[in-house]
């Protein structure tokens, strides 16, 4: 647990963007879009830029290597779009009011948002791995 939970727990500022822009309905809409839309070159470029490459997108144990289902790749790209949006909007949310006696200035808020974004990307890759595990199970 790298202590990130303790940093973010109890603070509504860290969930303000998520509750407005990535709530339950938004997350379900992303899943439906992932099933209906194709993976674009922009999606692939964004995934690579975030460090999400073949190790995260290929199904393990397949010979020759086989990529995850298209809907899963698209879902990862759409989720990454939200992560980028949150990195953009979170600094302003953090600066709105002091949190536990801490007043954020813009450089500190941006650095904190970058840390939140990095944690979200790590969680996205972990989630991809869990989904791939379920997909490999016998029906």
C-alpha atoms as a PDB file:
ATOM      1  CA  UNK A   1       0.000   0.000   0.000  1.00  0.00           C
ATOM      2  CA  UNK A   2       2.467   2.840  -0.661  1.00  0.00           C
ATOM      3  CA  UNK A   3       0.543   5.089   1.729  1.00  0.00           C
ATOM      4  CA  UNK A   4      -1.496   6.634  -1.087  1.00  0.00           C
ATOM      5  CA  UNK A   5      -4.750   5.539   0.516  1.00  0.00           C
ATOM      6  CA  UNK A   6      -3.909   7.474   3.674  1.00  0.00           C
ATOM      7  CA  UNK A   7      -3.177  10.583   1.619  1.00  0.00           C
ATOM      8  CA  UNK A   8      -6.476  10.471  -0.249  1.00  0.00           C
ATOM      9  CA  UNK A   9      -8.865   9.008   2.326  1.00  0.00           C
ATOM     10  CA  UNK A  10     -11.245  11.333   4.068  1.00  0.00           C
ATOM     11  CA  UNK A  11     -10.805  14.105   1.534  1.00  0.00           C
ATOM     12  CA  UNK A  12     -13.684  14.854  -0.766  1.00  0.00           C
ATOM     13  CA  UNK A  13     -11.436  17.063  -2.908  1.00  0.00           C
ATOM     14  CA  UNK A  14      -9.697  13.970  -4.263  1.00  0.00           C
ATOM     15  CA  UNK A  15     -13.025  12.511  -5.401  1.00  0.00           C
ATOM     16  CA  UNK A  16     -14.667  15.746  -6.545  1.00  0.00           C
ATOM     17  CA  UNK A  17     -13.653  15.341 -10.181  1.00  0.00           C
ATOM     18  CA  UNK A  18     -14.536  11.643 -10.157  1.00  0.00           C
ATOM     19  CA  UNK A  19     -17.995  12.200  -8.686  1.00  0.00           C
ATOM     20  CA  UNK A  20     -18.739  14.840 -11.336  1.00  0.00           C
ATOM     21  CA  UNK A  21     -17.057  13.333 -14.398  1.00  0.00           C
ATOM     22  CA  UNK A  22     -16.650   9.593 -13.772  1.00  0.00           C
ATOM     23  CA  UNK A  23     -19.599   8.442 -11.708  1.00  0.00           C
ATOM     24  CA  UNK A  24     -21.359   5.075 -11.940  1.00  0.00           C
ATOM     25  CA  UNK A  25     -23.268   6.002 -15.113  1.00  0.00           C
ATOM     26  CA  UNK A  26     -20.161   7.456 -16.766  1.00  0.00           C
ATOM     27  CA  UNK A  27     -18.188   4.282 -16.051  1.00  0.00           C
ATOM     28  CA  UNK A  28     -20.941   2.110 -17.508  1.00  0.00           C
ATOM     29  CA  UNK A  29     -21.141   4.355 -20.563  1.00  0.00           C
ATOM     30  CA  UNK A  30     -17.391   3.864 -21.080  1.00  0.00           C
ATOM     31  CA  UNK A  31     -17.881   0.106 -21.047  1.00  0.00           C
ATOM     32  CA  UNK A  32     -20.698   0.330 -23.606  1.00  0.00           C
ATOM     33  CA  UNK A  33     -18.608   2.661 -25.789  1.00  0.00           C
ATOM     34  CA  UNK A  34     -15.687   0.231 -25.541  1.00  0.00           C
ATOM     35  CA  UNK A  35     -17.900  -2.518 -26.930  1.00  0.00           C
ATOM     36  CA  UNK A  36     -19.261  -0.350 -29.745  1.00  0.00           C
ATOM     37  CA  UNK A  37     -16.271   1.719 -30.899  1.00  0.00           C
ATOM     38  CA  UNK A  38     -13.066   0.691 -32.614  1.00  0.00           C
ATOM     39  CA  UNK A  39      -9.582   1.269 -31.238  1.00  0.00           C
ATOM     40  CA  UNK A  40      -8.066   4.290 -32.977  1.00  0.00           C
ATOM     41  CA  UNK A  41      -4.459   5.202 -33.626  1.00  0.00           C
ATOM     42  CA  UNK A  42      -4.936   7.994 -31.085  1.00  0.00           C
ATOM     43  CA  UNK A  43      -6.055   5.413 -28.513  1.00  0.00           C
ATOM     44  CA  UNK A  44      -2.956   3.318 -29.162  1.00  0.00           C
ATOM     45  CA  UNK A  45      -0.683   6.362 -28.977  1.00  0.00           C
ATOM     46  CA  UNK A  46      -2.214   7.431 -25.653  1.00  0.00           C
ATOM     47  CA  UNK A  47      -1.794   3.946 -24.204  1.00  0.00           C
ATOM     48  CA  UNK A  48       1.861   3.786 -25.287  1.00  0.00           C
ATOM     49  CA  UNK A  49       2.458   7.300 -23.956  1.00  0.00           C
ATOM     50  CA  UNK A  50       1.129   6.176 -20.561  1.00  0.00           C
ATOM     51  CA  UNK A  51       3.384   3.117 -20.637  1.00  0.00           C
ATOM     52  CA  UNK A  52       0.547   0.670 -21.294  1.00  0.00           C
ATOM     53  CA  UNK A  53       2.084  -1.581 -23.922  1.00  0.00           C
ATOM     54  CA  UNK A  54       2.086  -5.226 -24.946  1.00  0.00           C
ATOM     55  CA  UNK A  55       2.939  -6.547 -21.464  1.00  0.00           C
ATOM     56  CA  UNK A  56      -0.338  -5.092 -20.216  1.00  0.00           C
ATOM     57  CA  UNK A  57      -2.390  -5.628 -23.380  1.00  0.00           C
ATOM     58  CA  UNK A  58      -1.429  -9.157 -24.441  1.00  0.00           C
ATOM     59  CA  UNK A  59      -3.135 -12.246 -23.107  1.00  0.00           C
ATOM     60  CA  UNK A  60      -0.598 -14.274 -21.118  1.00  0.00           C
ATOM     61  CA  UNK A  61       0.272 -17.821 -22.126  1.00  0.00           C
ATOM     62  CA  UNK A  62      -0.787 -17.435 -25.745  1.00  0.00           C
ATOM     63  CA  UNK A  63       1.490 -18.565 -28.543  1.00  0.00           C
ATOM     64  CA  UNK A  64       1.815 -16.619 -30.722  1.00  0.00           C
ATOM     65  CA  UNK A  65       1.203 -13.571 -28.486  1.00  0.00           C
ATOM     66  CA  UNK A  66      -2.400 -12.420 -28.786  1.00  0.00           C
ATOM     67  CA  UNK A  67      -3.757  -9.036 -27.799  1.00  0.00           C
ATOM     68  CA  UNK A  68      -6.651  -8.694 -25.378  1.00  0.00           C
ATOM     69  CA  UNK A  69     -10.127  -8.414 -26.860  1.00  0.00           C
ATOM     70  CA  UNK A  70     -10.622  -5.153 -28.722  1.00  0.00           C
ATOM     71  CA  UNK A  71     -13.267  -3.954 -26.266  1.00  0.00           C
ATOM     72  CA  UNK A  72     -10.772  -4.261 -23.405  1.00  0.00           C
ATOM     73  CA  UNK A  73      -8.097  -2.269 -25.239  1.00  0.00           C
ATOM     74  CA  UNK A  74     -10.675   0.420 -26.058  1.00  0.00           C
ATOM     75  CA  UNK A  75     -11.919   0.438 -22.445  1.00  0.00           C
ATOM     76  CA  UNK A  76      -8.350   0.989 -21.224  1.00  0.00           C
ATOM     77  CA  UNK A  77      -7.917   3.881 -23.675  1.00  0.00           C
ATOM     78  CA  UNK A  78     -11.229   5.473 -22.637  1.00  0.00           C
ATOM     79  CA  UNK A  79     -10.364   5.086 -18.963  1.00  0.00           C
ATOM     80  CA  UNK A  80      -7.015   6.705 -19.669  1.00  0.00           C
ATOM     81  CA  UNK A  81      -8.857   9.668 -21.194  1.00  0.00           C
ATOM     82  CA  UNK A  82     -10.635  10.147 -17.878  1.00  0.00           C
ATOM     83  CA  UNK A  83      -7.322   9.882 -15.981  1.00  0.00           C
ATOM     84  CA  UNK A  84      -5.897  12.640 -18.184  1.00  0.00           C
ATOM     85  CA  UNK A  85      -8.996  14.773 -17.619  1.00  0.00           C
ATOM     86  CA  UNK A  86      -8.716  14.289 -13.869  1.00  0.00           C
ATOM     87  CA  UNK A  87      -5.043  15.338 -13.933  1.00  0.00           C
ATOM     88  CA  UNK A  88      -6.164  18.513 -15.685  1.00  0.00           C
ATOM     89  CA  UNK A  89      -9.115  19.329 -13.373  1.00  0.00           C
ATOM     90  CA  UNK A  90      -7.877  18.089  -9.995  1.00  0.00           C
ATOM     91  CA  UNK A  91      -5.477  20.964  -9.223  1.00  0.00           C
ATOM     92  CA  UNK A  92      -8.326  23.488  -9.230  1.00  0.00           C
ATOM     93  CA  UNK A  93     -10.440  21.212  -7.021  1.00  0.00           C
ATOM     94  CA  UNK A  94      -7.563  20.857  -4.559  1.00  0.00           C
ATOM     95  CA  UNK A  95      -7.062  24.616  -4.386  1.00  0.00           C
ATOM     96  CA  UNK A  96     -10.728  25.404  -3.619  1.00  0.00           C
ATOM     97  CA  UNK A  97     -10.363  25.016   0.148  1.00  0.00           C
ATOM     98  CA  UNK A  98      -7.722  23.868   2.633  1.00  0.00           C
ATOM     99  CA  UNK A  99      -7.625  20.102   3.225  1.00  0.00           C
ATOM    100  CA  UNK A 100      -6.775  19.015   6.755  1.00  0.00           C
ATOM    101  CA  UNK A 101      -5.046  22.339   7.279  1.00  0.00           C
ATOM    102  CA  UNK A 102      -3.084  22.091   4.022  1.00  0.00           C
ATOM    103  CA  UNK A 103      -3.545  24.904   1.527  1.00  0.00           C
ATOM    104  CA  UNK A 104      -2.516  23.933  -1.968  1.00  0.00           C
ATOM    105  CA  UNK A 105      -0.767  26.314  -4.329  1.00  0.00           C
ATOM    106  CA  UNK A 106      -0.806  25.542  -8.054  1.00  0.00           C
ATOM    107  CA  UNK A 107       2.607  23.810  -8.260  1.00  0.00           C
ATOM    108  CA  UNK A 108       1.791  21.575  -5.266  1.00  0.00           C
ATOM    109  CA  UNK A 109      -1.704  20.854  -6.609  1.00  0.00           C
ATOM    110  CA  UNK A 110      -0.308  19.934 -10.044  1.00  0.00           C
ATOM    111  CA  UNK A 111       2.309  17.651  -8.484  1.00  0.00           C
ATOM    112  CA  UNK A 112      -0.362  16.001  -6.347  1.00  0.00           C
ATOM    113  CA  UNK A 113      -2.621  15.537  -9.387  1.00  0.00           C
ATOM    114  CA  UNK A 114       0.280  13.951 -11.277  1.00  0.00           C
ATOM    115  CA  UNK A 115       0.730  11.534  -8.375  1.00  0.00           C
ATOM    116  CA  UNK A 116      -2.960  10.682  -8.382  1.00  0.00           C
ATOM    117  CA  UNK A 117      -2.759  10.128 -12.146  1.00  0.00           C
ATOM    118  CA  UNK A 118       0.225   7.795 -11.773  1.00  0.00           C
ATOM    119  CA  UNK A 119      -1.651   5.804  -9.134  1.00  0.00           C
ATOM    120  CA  UNK A 120      -4.702   5.590 -11.381  1.00  0.00           C
ATOM    121  CA  UNK A 121      -2.583   4.292 -14.288  1.00  0.00           C
ATOM    122  CA  UNK A 122      -1.044   1.668 -12.021  1.00  0.00           C
ATOM    123  CA  UNK A 123      -4.543   0.639 -10.890  1.00  0.00           C
ATOM    124  CA  UNK A 124      -5.686   0.494 -14.525  1.00  0.00           C
ATOM    125  CA  UNK A 125      -2.893  -1.952 -15.385  1.00  0.00           C
ATOM    126  CA  UNK A 126      -3.722  -4.060 -12.315  1.00  0.00           C
ATOM    127  CA  UNK A 127      -7.372  -4.092 -13.369  1.00  0.00           C
ATOM    128  CA  UNK A 128      -6.413  -5.164 -16.898  1.00  0.00           C
ATOM    129  CA  UNK A 129      -4.467  -8.054 -15.397  1.00  0.00           C
ATOM    130  CA  UNK A 130      -7.452  -9.102 -13.272  1.00  0.00           C
ATOM    131  CA  UNK A 131      -9.789  -8.964 -16.283  1.00  0.00           C
ATOM    132  CA  UNK A 132      -7.357 -11.048 -18.348  1.00  0.00           C
ATOM    133  CA  UNK A 133      -7.281 -13.611 -15.537  1.00  0.00           C
ATOM    134  CA  UNK A 134     -11.080 -13.905 -15.604  1.00  0.00           C
ATOM    135  CA  UNK A 135     -11.129 -14.132 -19.410  1.00  0.00           C
ATOM    136  CA  UNK A 136      -8.677 -17.067 -19.304  1.00  0.00           C
ATOM    137  CA  UNK A 137     -10.879 -19.123 -16.997  1.00  0.00           C
ATOM    138  CA  UNK A 138     -12.842 -22.018 -18.484  1.00  0.00           C
ATOM    139  CA  UNK A 139     -16.463 -21.189 -19.184  1.00  0.00           C
END
